[in-house]
Amino acid sequence: MFFPGPFGWIVTFIFWGLVLFLAVKLFQAIFQSRSGGSDSPALNVLKSRYARGEINKEEYKQMRKEIQ
């Protein structure tokens, strides 16, 4: 599929880039919804503890590394 004119190749490039972008986003949405989200319950608890100030940044990073 090509668009006519002197700048047709630019429009074609943008068109196929948009198609590819939308295909990737659709693929991500399908598989993310099947997995139930990207965060585990343990990671959610860890984030909550960090937000409440129960653990410091170093502890958060270490625990997150162990969880993942």
C-alpha atoms as a PDB file:
ATOM      1  CA  MET A   1       0.000   0.000   0.000  1.00  0.00           C
ATOM      2  CA  PHE A   2       1.564   3.240  -1.131  1.00  0.00           C
ATOM      3  CA  PHE A   3       0.221   6.758  -1.174  1.00  0.00           C
ATOM      4  CA  PRO A   4       0.858   8.841  -4.298  1.00  0.00           C
ATOM      5  CA  GLY A   5       2.755  12.099  -4.375  1.00  0.00           C
ATOM      6  CA  PRO A   6       6.207  13.325  -3.485  1.00  0.00           C
ATOM      7  CA  PHE A   7       5.713  12.642   0.229  1.00  0.00           C
ATOM      8  CA  GLY A   8       3.802   9.399  -0.204  1.00  0.00           C
ATOM      9  CA  TRP A   9       6.580   7.348   1.331  1.00  0.00           C
ATOM     10  CA  ILE A  10       6.339   9.401   4.537  1.00  0.00           C
ATOM     11  CA  VAL A  11       2.595   8.810   4.792  1.00  0.00           C
ATOM     12  CA  THR A  12       3.136   5.111   4.065  1.00  0.00           C
ATOM     13  CA  PHE A  13       5.827   4.899   6.751  1.00  0.00           C
ATOM     14  CA  ILE A  14       3.588   6.642   9.308  1.00  0.00           C
ATOM     15  CA  PHE A  15       0.640   4.426   8.371  1.00  0.00           C
ATOM     16  CA  TRP A  16       2.562   1.164   8.846  1.00  0.00           C
ATOM     17  CA  GLY A  17       4.185   2.478  12.009  1.00  0.00           C
ATOM     18  CA  LEU A  18       0.755   3.213  13.437  1.00  0.00           C
ATOM     19  CA  VAL A  19      -0.521  -0.230  12.425  1.00  0.00           C
ATOM     20  CA  LEU A  20       2.474  -1.875  14.114  1.00  0.00           C
ATOM     21  CA  PHE A  21       2.074   0.258  17.253  1.00  0.00           C
ATOM     22  CA  LEU A  22      -1.618  -0.618  17.563  1.00  0.00           C
ATOM     23  CA  ALA A  23      -0.903  -4.320  17.009  1.00  0.00           C
ATOM     24  CA  VAL A  24       1.689  -4.319  19.803  1.00  0.00           C
ATOM     25  CA  LYS A  25      -0.649  -2.472  22.184  1.00  0.00           C
ATOM     26  CA  LEU A  26      -3.469  -4.914  21.412  1.00  0.00           C
ATOM     27  CA  PHE A  27      -1.136  -7.855  22.018  1.00  0.00           C
ATOM     28  CA  GLN A  28      -0.043  -6.380  25.369  1.00  0.00           C
ATOM     29  CA  ALA A  29      -3.623  -5.694  26.452  1.00  0.00           C
ATOM     30  CA  ILE A  30      -4.743  -9.224  25.660  1.00  0.00           C
ATOM     31  CA  PHE A  31      -1.932 -10.941  27.523  1.00  0.00           C
ATOM     32  CA  GLN A  32      -1.891  -8.525  30.462  1.00  0.00           C
ATOM     33  CA  SER A  33      -5.603  -9.085  31.106  1.00  0.00           C
ATOM     34  CA  ARG A  34      -5.081 -12.866  31.012  1.00  0.00           C
ATOM     35  CA  SER A  35      -2.320 -12.716  33.587  1.00  0.00           C
ATOM     36  CA  GLY A  36      -4.405 -10.588  35.930  1.00  0.00           C
ATOM     37  CA  GLY A  37      -2.111  -7.584  35.908  1.00  0.00           C
ATOM     38  CA  SER A  38       1.585  -7.122  36.194  1.00  0.00           C
ATOM     39  CA  ASP A  39       1.969  -6.794  39.989  1.00  0.00           C
ATOM     40  CA  SER A  40       1.931  -9.735  42.353  1.00  0.00           C
ATOM     41  CA  PRO A  41       0.117  -9.467  45.699  1.00  0.00           C
ATOM     42  CA  ALA A  42       3.476  -9.526  47.485  1.00  0.00           C
ATOM     43  CA  LEU A  43       4.709  -6.598  45.416  1.00  0.00           C
ATOM     44  CA  ASN A  44       1.526  -4.658  46.206  1.00  0.00           C
ATOM     45  CA  VAL A  45       2.098  -5.213  49.938  1.00  0.00           C
ATOM     46  CA  LEU A  46       5.716  -4.114  49.559  1.00  0.00           C
ATOM     47  CA  LYS A  47       4.662  -0.926  47.752  1.00  0.00           C
ATOM     48  CA  SER A  48       2.122  -0.180  50.486  1.00  0.00           C
ATOM     49  CA  ARG A  49       4.719  -0.646  53.222  1.00  0.00           C
ATOM     50  CA  TYR A  50       7.119   1.686  51.422  1.00  0.00           C
ATOM     51  CA  ALA A  51       4.382   4.282  50.923  1.00  0.00           C
ATOM     52  CA  ARG A  52       3.504   4.182  54.636  1.00  0.00           C
ATOM     53  CA  GLY A  53       7.165   4.641  55.563  1.00  0.00           C
ATOM     54  CA  GLU A  54       7.551   1.263  57.264  1.00  0.00           C
ATOM     55  CA  ILE A  55      10.631   0.463  55.178  1.00  0.00           C
ATOM     56  CA  ASN A  56      13.300   2.667  53.653  1.00  0.00           C
ATOM     57  CA  LYS A  57      14.406   2.852  50.026  1.00  0.00           C
ATOM     58  CA  GLU A  58      17.251   0.357  50.384  1.00  0.00           C
ATOM     59  CA  GLU A  59      15.002  -2.208  52.077  1.00  0.00           C
ATOM     60  CA  TYR A  60      12.366  -1.681  49.386  1.00  0.00           C
ATOM     61  CA  LYS A  61      14.865  -2.241  46.575  1.00  0.00           C
ATOM     62  CA  GLN A  62      16.295  -5.363  48.229  1.00  0.00           C
ATOM     63  CA  MET A  63      12.881  -6.906  48.910  1.00  0.00           C
ATOM     64  CA  ARG A  64      11.628  -6.092  45.420  1.00  0.00           C
ATOM     65  CA  LYS A  65      14.700  -7.760  43.940  1.00  0.00           C
ATOM     66  CA  GLU A  66      13.990 -10.891  46.012  1.00  0.00           C
ATOM     67  CA  ILE A  67      10.310 -10.963  44.985  1.00  0.00           C
ATOM     68  CA  GLN A  68      10.979 -10.616  41.288  1.00  0.00           C
END
